[in-house]
N, C-alpha and C. Protein backbone atom coordinates (compact mmCIF):
# COMPACT_ATOMS: atom_id res chain seq x y z
N THR A 1 0.86 -1.24 -0.27
CA THR A 1 0.00 0.00 0.15
C THR A 1 0.85 1.24 0.27
N ALA A 2 1.89 1.15 0.18
CA ALA A 2 3.05 1.90 0.37
C ALA A 2 3.17 2.96 -0.89
N ALA A 3 3.39 2.57 -2.03
CA ALA A 3 3.52 2.39 -3.32
C ALA A 3 2.40 3.28 -3.92
N ILE A 4 1.10 2.97 -3.56
CA ILE A 4 -0.24 3.72 -4.05
C ILE A 4 -0.45 4.60 -2.92
N LEU A 5 0.09 4.69 -1.78
CA LEU A 5 -0.17 5.70 -1.19
C LEU A 5 0.69 6.97 -1.54
N LEU A 6 2.57 6.64 -1.94
CA LEU A 6 3.46 7.78 -2.39
C LEU A 6 2.84 8.55 -3.63
N THR A 7 2.17 7.82 -4.31
CA THR A 7 1.89 8.34 -5.62
C THR A 7 0.20 9.27 -5.70
N THR A 8 -0.32 8.43 -4.47
CA THR A 8 -1.18 10.24 -4.54
C THR A 8 -1.42 11.54 -4.11
N ARG A 9 -1.74 12.46 -4.41
CA ARG A 9 -1.83 13.95 -3.79
C ARG A 9 -1.09 14.38 -2.95
N TYR A 10 -1.62 13.59 -1.49
CA TYR A 10 -1.41 13.59 -0.31
C TYR A 10 -0.48 12.44 0.19
N GLY A 11 -0.48 11.62 -0.42
CA GLY A 11 0.41 10.61 -0.59
C GLY A 11 1.72 11.16 0.36
N LYS A 12 2.75 11.67 0.60
CA LYS A 12 3.99 11.44 1.22
C LYS A 12 3.67 13.11 2.44
N SER A 13 2.88 13.17 2.74
CA SER A 13 2.06 13.86 3.99
C SER A 13 0.67 13.36 5.26
N ARG A 14 -0.32 13.78 4.09
CA ARG A 14 -1.57 12.92 5.55
C ARG A 14 -1.61 11.85 5.22
N MET A 15 -1.27 11.11 4.32
CA MET A 15 -1.72 9.77 4.61
C MET A 15 -0.70 8.94 4.67
N LEU A 16 0.55 9.05 5.20
CA LEU A 16 1.54 8.48 5.89
C LEU A 16 0.83 8.26 7.71
N VAL A 17 0.64 9.60 7.83
CA VAL A 17 0.11 9.82 9.01
C VAL A 17 -0.85 8.55 9.38
N ASN A 18 -1.96 8.77 8.50
CA ASN A 18 -3.63 8.07 7.95
C ASN A 18 -2.76 6.68 8.85
N LYS A 19 -1.63 6.04 7.81
CA LYS A 19 -1.42 4.94 7.51
C LYS A 19 -0.68 4.37 8.95
N VAL A 20 -0.49 5.22 9.62
CA VAL A 20 0.45 4.84 10.94
C VAL A 20 -0.76 4.73 11.81
N LEU A 21 -1.61 5.95 11.80
CA LEU A 21 -2.68 5.79 12.75
C LEU A 21 -3.56 4.73 12.76
N ALA A 22 -4.11 4.10 11.15
CA ALA A 22 -4.85 3.22 11.44
C ALA A 22 -4.28 1.80 12.03
N ALA A 23 -2.80 1.55 11.81
CA ALA A 23 -2.41 0.82 12.03
C ALA A 23 -2.48 0.49 13.84
N MET A 24 -2.17 1.83 14.74
CA MET A 24 -2.52 1.99 15.86
C MET A 24 -3.94 1.39 16.31
N LEU A 25 -4.66 1.70 16.02
CA LEU A 25 -6.22 1.73 15.72
C LEU A 25 -6.72 0.11 15.75
N TYR A 26 -6.24 -0.34 14.32
CA TYR A 26 -6.01 -1.44 13.84
C TYR A 26 -5.50 -2.40 15.83
N ALA A 27 -4.39 -2.76 16.18
CA ALA A 27 -3.99 -3.25 17.00
C ALA A 27 -4.81 -2.96 18.29
N VAL A 28 -5.43 -1.83 18.63
CA VAL A 28 -5.74 -1.28 19.61
C VAL A 28 -7.56 -2.28 19.54
N VAL A 29 -8.14 -2.31 18.48
CA VAL A 29 -9.55 -2.86 17.95
C VAL A 29 -9.51 -3.97 18.74
N LEU A 30 -7.90 -4.79 17.92
CA LEU A 30 -7.52 -6.43 17.64
C LEU A 30 -7.63 -6.53 19.58
N PHE A 31 -6.72 -5.78 20.58
CA PHE A 31 -6.66 -6.04 21.88
C PHE A 31 -7.68 -6.27 22.88
N SER A 32 -8.52 -4.60 22.38
CA SER A 32 -10.05 -5.34 22.77
C SER A 32 -10.76 -6.16 22.68
N ILE A 33 -10.97 -6.90 21.51
CA ILE A 33 -11.45 -7.79 20.92
C ILE A 33 -10.62 -9.30 22.09
N PHE A 34 -9.71 -9.29 22.35
CA PHE A 34 -9.35 -10.54 23.00
C PHE A 34 -9.61 -10.20 24.09
N ALA A 35 -8.97 -8.92 24.86
CA ALA A 35 -8.94 -8.98 26.50
C ALA A 35 -10.60 -8.80 26.45
N ILE A 36 -11.64 -8.98 25.96
CA ILE A 36 -12.91 -8.86 26.08
C ILE A 36 -13.35 -10.32 26.29
N VAL A 37 -12.91 -11.04 25.27
CA VAL A 37 -13.31 -12.32 25.29
C VAL A 37 -12.25 -13.42 26.48
N ALA A 38 -11.36 -12.64 26.74
CA ALA A 38 -10.30 -12.95 27.86
C ALA A 38 -11.25 -13.39 28.74
N ILE A 39 -11.80 -11.55 29.09
CA ILE A 39 -12.06 -11.24 30.55
C ILE A 39 -13.48 -11.93 30.44
N VAL A 40 -14.25 -11.88 29.42
CA VAL A 40 -16.19 -12.60 30.02
C VAL A 40 -15.69 -14.19 29.70
N THR A 41 -14.89 -15.10 29.80
CA THR A 41 -14.02 -16.28 29.50
C THR A 41 -14.17 -16.90 30.92
N GLN A 42 -13.31 -15.65 31.92
CA GLN A 42 -12.68 -15.78 33.03
C GLN A 42 -14.01 -16.03 34.03
N LEU A 43 -14.76 -14.86 33.64
CA LEU A 43 -16.15 -14.38 34.70
C LEU A 43 -17.21 -14.95 34.26
N CYS A 44 -16.99 -15.94 33.06
CA CYS A 44 -18.04 -16.91 33.19
C CYS A 44 -17.92 -18.08 33.88
N ILE A 45 -15.96 -18.24 34.32
CA ILE A 45 -15.81 -19.34 34.84
C ILE A 45 -15.70 -19.18 36.03
N TYR A 46 -14.88 -18.43 36.71
CA TYR A 46 -14.86 -17.76 38.11
C TYR A 46 -15.60 -17.00 38.93
N GLY A 47 -17.00 -16.38 37.93
CA GLY A 47 -17.36 -15.36 38.30
C GLY A 47 -16.99 -13.83 38.91
N THR A 48 -17.28 -13.09 39.23
CA THR A 48 -17.23 -12.15 39.97
C THR A 48 -16.70 -11.21 41.25
N SER A 49 -17.17 -12.81 42.45
CA SER A 49 -16.91 -12.40 43.57
C SER A 49 -15.77 -12.39 44.09
N SER A 50 -14.31 -12.90 43.25
CA SER A 50 -13.15 -12.49 43.59
C SER A 50 -12.87 -11.50 43.43
N LEU A 51 -13.31 -10.71 41.88
CA LEU A 51 -12.79 -9.50 41.56
C LEU A 51 -12.00 -8.21 43.17
N PRO A 52 -13.05 -8.49 43.76
CA PRO A 52 -12.56 -7.35 45.38
C PRO A 52 -11.70 -7.74 46.32
N ALA A 53 -11.56 -9.33 45.84
CA ALA A 53 -10.02 -9.88 47.38
C ALA A 53 -8.83 -9.07 46.79
N SER A 54 -8.07 -9.02 48.05
CA SER A 54 -7.06 -9.19 47.95
C SER A 54 -6.17 -9.52 47.00
N ILE A 55 -4.81 -9.14 46.73
CA ILE A 55 -3.64 -10.21 45.49
C ILE A 55 -3.14 -10.70 46.23
N GLN A 56 -2.92 -10.36 47.67
CA GLN A 56 -2.11 -11.04 48.49
C GLN A 56 -2.74 -12.54 48.55
N LEU A 57 -4.22 -13.36 48.11
CA LEU A 57 -4.16 -14.21 47.67
C LEU A 57 -3.63 -14.78 46.41
N ILE A 58 -3.18 -14.26 45.97
CA ILE A 58 -2.49 -14.45 44.33
C ILE A 58 -1.24 -14.88 44.34
N ASN A 59 -0.62 -13.94 45.24
CA ASN A 59 0.40 -14.16 45.95
C ASN A 59 1.15 -13.01 47.49
N ARG A 60 1.30 -13.73 48.49
CA ARG A 60 0.91 -13.32 50.08
C ARG A 60 2.68 -12.46 49.94
N LYS A 61 2.90 -12.57 49.15
CA LYS A 61 4.47 -11.63 49.13
C LYS A 61 3.99 -9.83 48.85
N SER A 62 3.25 -9.87 47.98
CA SER A 62 3.13 -8.92 47.32
C SER A 62 3.20 -7.70 48.19
N PRO A 63 3.61 -6.50 48.25
CA PRO A 63 3.74 -5.31 48.93
C PRO A 63 2.39 -4.31 48.26
N TYR A 64 1.70 -4.28 47.56
CA TYR A 64 0.86 -3.44 47.25
C TYR A 64 -0.98 -4.06 47.65
N ASN A 65 -1.44 -2.55 47.87
CA ASN A 65 -2.79 -2.55 48.55
C ASN A 65 -4.26 -2.81 47.27
N LEU A 66 -4.08 -4.13 46.90
CA LEU A 66 -4.69 -3.64 45.40
C LEU A 66 -5.45 -4.68 45.58
N SER A 67 -6.42 -4.80 44.65
CA SER A 67 -7.94 -6.02 44.33
C SER A 67 -7.59 -6.70 43.06
N ILE A 68 -7.91 -8.26 42.74
CA ILE A 68 -7.55 -8.69 41.96
C ILE A 68 -8.22 -8.22 40.57
N GLY A 69 -9.32 -7.10 40.63
CA GLY A 69 -9.92 -6.89 39.65
C GLY A 69 -8.75 -5.58 39.60
N GLY A 70 -8.45 -5.14 40.22
CA GLY A 70 -7.76 -3.37 39.93
C GLY A 70 -6.26 -4.39 39.30
N ALA A 71 -5.91 -5.59 39.72
CA ALA A 71 -4.71 -6.12 38.99
C ALA A 71 -5.30 -6.33 37.70
N LEU A 72 -6.38 -6.57 37.70
CA LEU A 72 -7.14 -7.08 36.33
C LEU A 72 -6.83 -6.08 35.26
N GLY A 73 -7.12 -4.83 35.81
CA GLY A 73 -7.56 -3.41 34.87
C GLY A 73 -5.68 -3.00 34.72
N LEU A 74 -5.53 -2.93 35.44
CA LEU A 74 -3.73 -2.78 35.42
C LEU A 74 -2.92 -3.75 34.09
N TRP A 75 -3.68 -5.08 34.02
CA TRP A 75 -2.92 -5.71 33.21
C TRP A 75 -3.44 -5.96 31.64
N LEU A 76 -4.82 -5.07 31.75
CA LEU A 76 -5.91 -4.21 30.58
C LEU A 76 -4.40 -3.58 30.11
N LEU A 77 -4.36 -2.34 31.28
CA LEU A 77 -3.52 -1.19 30.35
C LEU A 77 -2.43 -1.98 29.97
N PHE A 78 -1.39 -2.59 30.45
CA PHE A 78 0.13 -2.89 30.27
C PHE A 78 0.40 -3.72 28.69
N GLY A 79 -1.57 -4.71 28.50
CA GLY A 79 -1.87 -5.26 27.28
C GLY A 79 -1.81 -4.31 26.23
N LEU A 80 -2.77 -3.33 26.69
CA LEU A 80 -2.75 -2.42 25.42
C LEU A 80 -1.97 -1.53 25.11
N LEU A 81 -1.18 -1.49 25.65
CA LEU A 81 0.09 -0.79 25.64
C LEU A 81 1.68 -1.50 24.88
N ALA A 82 1.62 -2.49 25.26
CA ALA A 82 2.35 -3.64 24.20
C ALA A 82 1.90 -3.69 22.88
N SER A 83 0.37 -3.61 22.73
CA SER A 83 -0.15 -4.05 21.69
C SER A 83 0.47 -2.86 20.76
N VAL A 84 0.05 -1.54 21.09
CA VAL A 84 0.28 -0.44 20.75
C VAL A 84 2.22 -0.14 19.99
N ALA A 85 2.67 -0.42 21.18
CA ALA A 85 3.71 -0.39 21.15
C ALA A 85 4.58 -1.29 19.71
N ALA A 86 3.66 -2.46 20.54
CA ALA A 86 4.00 -3.53 19.31
C ALA A 86 3.66 -3.16 17.67
N ALA A 87 2.50 -2.28 17.52
CA ALA A 87 2.06 -1.85 16.51
C ALA A 87 3.26 -1.11 15.90
N ALA A 88 4.10 -0.58 16.97
CA ALA A 88 4.62 0.62 16.44
C ALA A 88 5.73 0.14 15.83
N THR A 89 6.11 -0.88 16.79
CA THR A 89 7.30 -1.28 15.82
C THR A 89 7.03 -1.73 14.67
N THR A 90 6.06 -3.20 14.28
CA THR A 90 6.09 -3.53 12.98
C THR A 90 5.80 -2.08 12.12
N MET A 91 5.22 -1.29 11.92
CA MET A 91 5.20 0.11 11.33
C MET A 91 6.78 0.62 10.73
N LEU A 92 7.26 0.18 11.85
CA LEU A 92 8.67 0.91 11.95
C LEU A 92 9.89 0.41 10.83
N PHE A 93 9.35 -1.70 11.43
CA PHE A 93 10.41 -2.77 10.38
C PHE A 93 9.36 -2.41 8.69
N SER A 94 8.54 -2.43 8.89
CA SER A 94 7.96 -1.94 7.53
C SER A 94 8.21 -1.06 6.81
N ALA A 95 8.88 0.02 7.41
CA ALA A 95 9.30 1.08 7.08
C ALA A 95 10.36 0.63 6.15
N VAL A 96 11.08 -0.01 6.91
CA VAL A 96 12.97 -0.20 6.84
C VAL A 96 12.48 -1.09 5.64
N ALA A 97 11.73 -2.42 5.64
CA ALA A 97 11.85 -3.08 4.91
C ALA A 97 11.62 -2.95 3.66
N ASN A 98 11.30 -4.00 2.56
CA ASN A 98 11.13 -4.13 1.09
C ASN A 98 9.83 -4.82 0.76
N ASN A 99 9.51 -5.50 1.90
CA ASN A 99 8.00 -6.59 1.71
C ASN A 99 7.66 -7.32 3.19
N ALA A 100 6.79 -7.29 2.85
CA ALA A 100 6.16 -7.56 4.09
C ALA A 100 6.51 -8.40 5.19
N PHE A 101 6.97 -9.80 4.51
CA PHE A 101 7.84 -10.73 4.92
C PHE A 101 9.14 -10.28 6.13
N THR A 102 9.68 -9.78 5.21
CA THR A 102 10.58 -9.39 5.80
C THR A 102 10.88 -7.92 7.15
N ALA A 103 9.56 -7.92 6.70
CA ALA A 103 9.36 -6.54 8.14
C ALA A 103 8.64 -7.50 9.71
N PHE A 104 7.98 -8.49 8.91
CA PHE A 104 6.85 -9.31 10.30
C PHE A 104 8.17 -10.17 10.78
N ILE A 105 9.24 -10.80 10.12
CA ILE A 105 9.83 -11.50 11.36
C ILE A 105 10.56 -10.65 11.84
N PRO A 106 11.61 -9.60 11.95
CA PRO A 106 11.92 -9.11 12.82
C PRO A 106 10.68 -8.19 14.23
N ALA A 107 9.69 -8.20 14.11
CA ALA A 107 8.57 -7.80 14.72
C ALA A 107 8.12 -8.59 15.22
N VAL A 108 8.03 -9.73 15.37
CA VAL A 108 7.58 -10.98 15.53
C VAL A 108 8.62 -10.89 16.68
N LEU A 109 10.03 -11.19 16.49
CA LEU A 109 10.95 -11.50 17.60
C LEU A 109 11.20 -10.27 18.52
N ALA A 110 10.82 -9.14 17.82
CA ALA A 110 11.00 -7.58 18.53
C ALA A 110 10.03 -8.36 19.81
N TYR A 111 8.76 -8.96 19.75
CA TYR A 111 7.88 -9.23 20.65
C TYR A 111 8.21 -9.92 21.41
N ILE A 112 8.90 -10.55 21.00
CA ILE A 112 8.70 -12.44 21.55
C ILE A 112 10.21 -12.22 22.44
N LEU A 113 11.09 -11.79 22.14
CA LEU A 113 12.58 -12.04 22.92
C LEU A 113 12.60 -11.22 23.96
N PRO A 114 12.05 -10.19 24.37
CA PRO A 114 12.10 -9.81 25.99
C PRO A 114 11.27 -10.98 26.94
N SER A 115 11.03 -11.47 26.79
CA SER A 115 9.96 -12.64 27.39
C SER A 115 10.65 -13.89 27.92
N PHE A 116 12.14 -13.90 27.70
CA PHE A 116 12.88 -14.56 28.05
C PHE A 116 13.81 -13.84 29.09
N SER A 117 14.34 -14.94 29.72
CA SER A 117 15.38 -14.56 31.14
C SER A 117 16.99 -14.46 30.32
N TYR A 118 16.93 -13.13 30.65
CA TYR A 118 18.61 -12.73 30.18
C TYR A 118 19.73 -12.86 31.47
N SER A 119 19.23 -12.73 32.61
CA SER A 119 20.31 -12.66 33.85
C SER A 119 21.76 -13.69 33.51
N GLY A 120 21.20 -14.67 32.94
CA GLY A 120 22.57 -15.44 33.09
C GLY A 120 23.91 -14.98 31.78
N LEU A 121 23.54 -14.41 30.93
CA LEU A 121 23.93 -13.18 29.68
C LEU A 121 24.41 -12.31 30.39
N SER A 122 23.88 -11.39 30.67
CA SER A 122 24.29 -9.75 31.21
C SER A 122 22.94 -9.42 32.06
N PRO A 123 23.34 -9.23 33.17
CA PRO A 123 22.16 -8.46 33.88
C PRO A 123 21.39 -6.92 33.60
N LEU A 124 22.22 -6.42 33.08
CA LEU A 124 21.95 -5.44 32.38
C LEU A 124 21.27 -5.34 31.18
N ILE A 125 20.94 -5.99 30.62
CA ILE A 125 20.09 -6.68 29.09
C ILE A 125 18.83 -7.34 29.93
N HIS A 126 18.91 -7.81 30.85
CA HIS A 126 17.77 -8.29 31.15
C HIS A 126 16.97 -7.53 32.04
N ARG A 127 17.66 -6.49 32.95
CA ARG A 127 16.88 -5.49 33.58
C ARG A 127 15.90 -4.54 32.21
N CYS A 128 17.01 -4.36 31.19
CA CYS A 128 16.14 -3.51 30.33
C CYS A 128 15.27 -4.58 29.27
N MET A 129 15.60 -5.31 29.17
CA MET A 129 14.32 -6.38 28.97
C MET A 129 13.03 -6.32 29.64
N LYS A 130 12.77 -6.13 31.09
CA LYS A 130 12.00 -6.54 31.26
C LYS A 130 10.99 -5.06 31.72
N LEU A 131 11.91 -4.63 30.99
CA LEU A 131 11.33 -2.80 30.90
C LEU A 131 9.95 -2.63 30.19
N LEU A 132 10.20 -4.02 28.72
CA LEU A 132 10.00 -3.95 27.67
C LEU A 132 7.93 -4.31 27.52
N PRO A 133 6.92 -3.95 27.31
CA PRO A 133 5.38 -3.76 27.32
C PRO A 133 5.48 -5.35 27.35
N SER A 134 5.96 -6.02 26.47
CA SER A 134 6.18 -6.91 25.79
C SER A 134 6.25 -8.54 26.94
N ALA A 135 7.18 -7.74 27.71
CA ALA A 135 7.49 -8.94 28.11
C ALA A 135 6.68 -9.17 29.84
N VAL A 136 5.67 -8.09 29.79
CA VAL A 136 5.24 -8.23 30.93
C VAL A 136 3.82 -9.17 31.24
N ILE A 137 3.37 -9.32 29.48
CA ILE A 137 1.93 -9.94 29.47
C ILE A 137 1.88 -11.56 30.35
N GLY A 138 2.65 -11.96 29.47
CA GLY A 138 2.92 -13.75 29.93
C GLY A 138 3.31 -13.37 31.28
N ASN A 139 3.69 -12.60 32.06
CA ASN A 139 4.12 -12.64 33.16
C ASN A 139 3.59 -11.33 34.20
N ILE A 140 2.55 -10.94 34.17
CA ILE A 140 1.90 -9.97 35.32
C ILE A 140 1.75 -10.63 36.37
N ASP A 141 1.88 -11.87 37.09
CA ASP A 141 1.85 -12.36 38.36
C ASP A 141 3.03 -11.24 38.67
N THR A 142 4.41 -11.68 38.18
CA THR A 142 5.53 -11.47 39.23
C THR A 142 5.75 -9.87 38.85
N LEU A 143 5.06 -8.81 38.00
CA LEU A 143 4.86 -7.43 38.20
C LEU A 143 4.28 -7.26 39.36
N PHE A 144 3.66 -7.90 40.01
CA PHE A 144 2.76 -7.38 41.25
C PHE A 144 3.25 -8.23 42.66
N GLY A 145 3.72 -9.56 42.78
CA GLY A 145 5.02 -10.17 42.94
C GLY A 145 5.85 -9.13 44.57
N ALA A 146 6.64 -8.58 44.09
CA ALA A 146 7.65 -7.42 44.86
C ALA A 146 7.92 -6.04 43.49
N ALA A 147 8.17 -5.03 44.62
CA ALA A 147 8.22 -3.90 44.31
C ALA A 147 9.94 -4.09 43.46
N ASP A 148 10.09 -3.34 42.64
CA ASP A 148 11.56 -3.89 41.78
C ASP A 148 11.63 -1.80 41.05
N TYR A 149 12.70 -1.34 41.38
CA TYR A 149 12.73 -0.20 41.64
C TYR A 149 14.36 -0.38 40.45
N TYR A 150 13.74 0.81 39.71
CA TYR A 150 15.26 1.55 38.96
C TYR A 150 16.31 2.42 38.99
N ASN A 151 17.23 2.41 39.17
CA ASN A 151 18.16 3.54 39.48
C ASN A 151 18.16 4.73 38.25
N ILE A 152 17.50 5.29 38.47
CA ILE A 152 17.68 6.72 37.11
C ILE A 152 18.28 7.52 37.28
N PHE A 153 19.43 8.05 37.68
CA PHE A 153 20.28 9.12 37.78
C PHE A 153 20.27 9.47 39.25
N GLY A 154 20.33 8.48 39.87
CA GLY A 154 19.81 9.05 41.68
C GLY A 154 18.63 8.95 41.76
N LEU A 155 17.73 9.16 40.88
CA LEU A 155 16.08 9.03 41.45
C LEU A 155 15.66 7.43 41.23
N LEU A 156 15.08 6.42 42.40
CA LEU A 156 14.49 5.22 41.81
C LEU A 156 13.22 5.42 41.80
N VAL A 157 12.94 4.53 40.70
CA VAL A 157 11.94 4.66 39.33
C VAL A 157 10.93 3.15 39.59
N GLU A 158 9.87 3.05 40.02
CA GLU A 158 9.46 1.76 40.28
C GLU A 158 9.19 1.38 38.61
N ARG A 159 9.32 -0.03 38.32
CA ARG A 159 9.16 -0.48 37.02
C ARG A 159 7.87 -0.40 36.44
N LYS A 160 6.96 -0.65 36.63
CA LYS A 160 5.69 -0.34 36.44
C LYS A 160 5.58 1.08 35.64
N ILE A 161 6.44 1.94 36.60
CA ILE A 161 5.94 3.52 35.72
C ILE A 161 6.95 3.72 34.69
N LEU A 162 8.32 2.82 35.01
CA LEU A 162 9.43 3.26 34.07
C LEU A 162 8.57 1.97 32.64
N ILE A 163 7.67 0.85 32.55
CA ILE A 163 6.70 0.49 31.80
C ILE A 163 6.35 1.14 30.89
N ILE A 164 5.51 1.92 31.50
CA ILE A 164 4.82 2.70 30.95
C ILE A 164 5.53 3.87 30.65
N VAL A 165 6.15 4.65 30.45
CA VAL A 165 6.99 4.96 30.22
C VAL A 165 7.57 4.56 28.48
N CYS A 166 8.47 3.69 28.41
CA CYS A 166 9.06 3.42 27.93
C CYS A 166 8.29 2.58 26.91
N SER A 167 7.00 2.47 27.03
CA SER A 167 5.66 1.91 26.05
C SER A 167 5.36 2.93 25.06
N VAL A 168 5.07 4.20 25.84
CA VAL A 168 4.80 5.68 25.49
C VAL A 168 6.10 5.80 24.60
N VAL A 169 7.05 6.12 25.23
CA VAL A 169 7.91 6.95 24.49
C VAL A 169 8.20 6.21 23.27
N PHE A 170 8.41 4.47 23.10
CA PHE A 170 8.78 3.34 22.10
C PHE A 170 7.60 3.77 21.00
N ALA A 171 6.04 3.94 21.24
CA ALA A 171 5.25 4.12 20.24
C ALA A 171 4.97 5.14 19.43
N VAL A 172 5.73 6.51 20.23
CA VAL A 172 5.94 7.91 19.64
C VAL A 172 6.44 7.83 18.64
N LEU A 173 8.07 7.42 19.26
CA LEU A 173 8.84 7.02 18.99
C LEU A 173 9.34 6.54 17.08
N PHE A 174 8.88 5.45 16.92
CA PHE A 174 8.63 4.57 16.24
C PHE A 174 7.89 4.81 15.48
N SER A 175 6.34 5.40 15.85
CA SER A 175 5.44 5.99 14.80
C SER A 175 6.17 7.16 13.94
N CYS A 176 6.58 8.19 15.07
CA CYS A 176 7.17 9.44 13.74
C CYS A 176 8.38 8.49 12.59
N LEU A 177 9.50 7.86 13.29
CA LEU A 177 10.47 7.32 12.77
C LEU A 177 9.65 6.63 11.30
N SER A 178 8.59 5.94 11.22
CA SER A 178 8.19 5.20 10.54
C SER A 178 7.33 6.04 9.43
N VAL A 179 7.14 7.37 10.01
CA VAL A 179 6.16 8.32 8.81
C VAL A 179 7.58 8.82 8.21
N TRP A 180 8.87 9.27 8.83
CA TRP A 180 9.88 9.87 8.20
C TRP A 180 10.32 8.80 7.20
N LEU A 181 10.34 7.30 7.82
CA LEU A 181 11.33 6.72 6.60
C LEU A 181 10.28 6.66 5.22
N TYR A 182 9.52 6.05 5.83
CA TYR A 182 8.39 6.39 4.51
C TYR A 182 8.17 7.67 3.62
N ARG A 183 8.25 8.95 3.93
CA ARG A 183 8.59 9.90 3.52
C ARG A 183 9.71 10.02 2.59
N ARG A 184 10.77 9.65 3.39
CA ARG A 184 12.27 9.21 2.36
C ARG A 184 12.43 8.06 1.05
N ARG A 185 11.40 6.94 1.81
CA ARG A 185 11.22 6.27 0.56
C ARG A 185 10.86 6.83 -0.55
N GLY A 186 10.02 7.80 -0.16
CA GLY A 186 8.81 8.10 -1.17
C GLY A 186 9.79 9.35 -2.02
N LYS A 187 10.54 9.73 -1.97
CA LYS A 187 11.69 10.97 -2.78
C LYS A 187 12.42 9.83 -3.88
């Protein structure tokens, strides 16, 4: 579609931004459909009586004053941010690659690789990978298990806050880079 968009009157300006926004909207809608199905399935099986219960029933070492329903709401937020960041990453690879397949493989790897532990390889790489939103999706119980702080220029910042900041920064930065790269390709 990029080749067709670039030949139209507004193809090198407005339409590229619309293409990136459409990808983001698609990611949000797709995540919403899967989240609704997952939540409705869980509610049908287990009911709603456990939602106001304390998160300490799942992980007794959790220092957070949070209900299971609140943790579910935060899981939805992290999942939505991961979907948008993955869409922005895919758009960036699409802007760099010549065809869809060469854009798809690195995007999938960028989504899957943060799920693994890299503590044996390098503690720094391991800590950085834990900040990516896709690393949280399958490990939501570890996110609320214990407080995990990062030292950012002498300031202690909790991991959950950094995940949100990193997700937003990646989504905005990769989206802007995608538009810029698409425009350069069109010249």
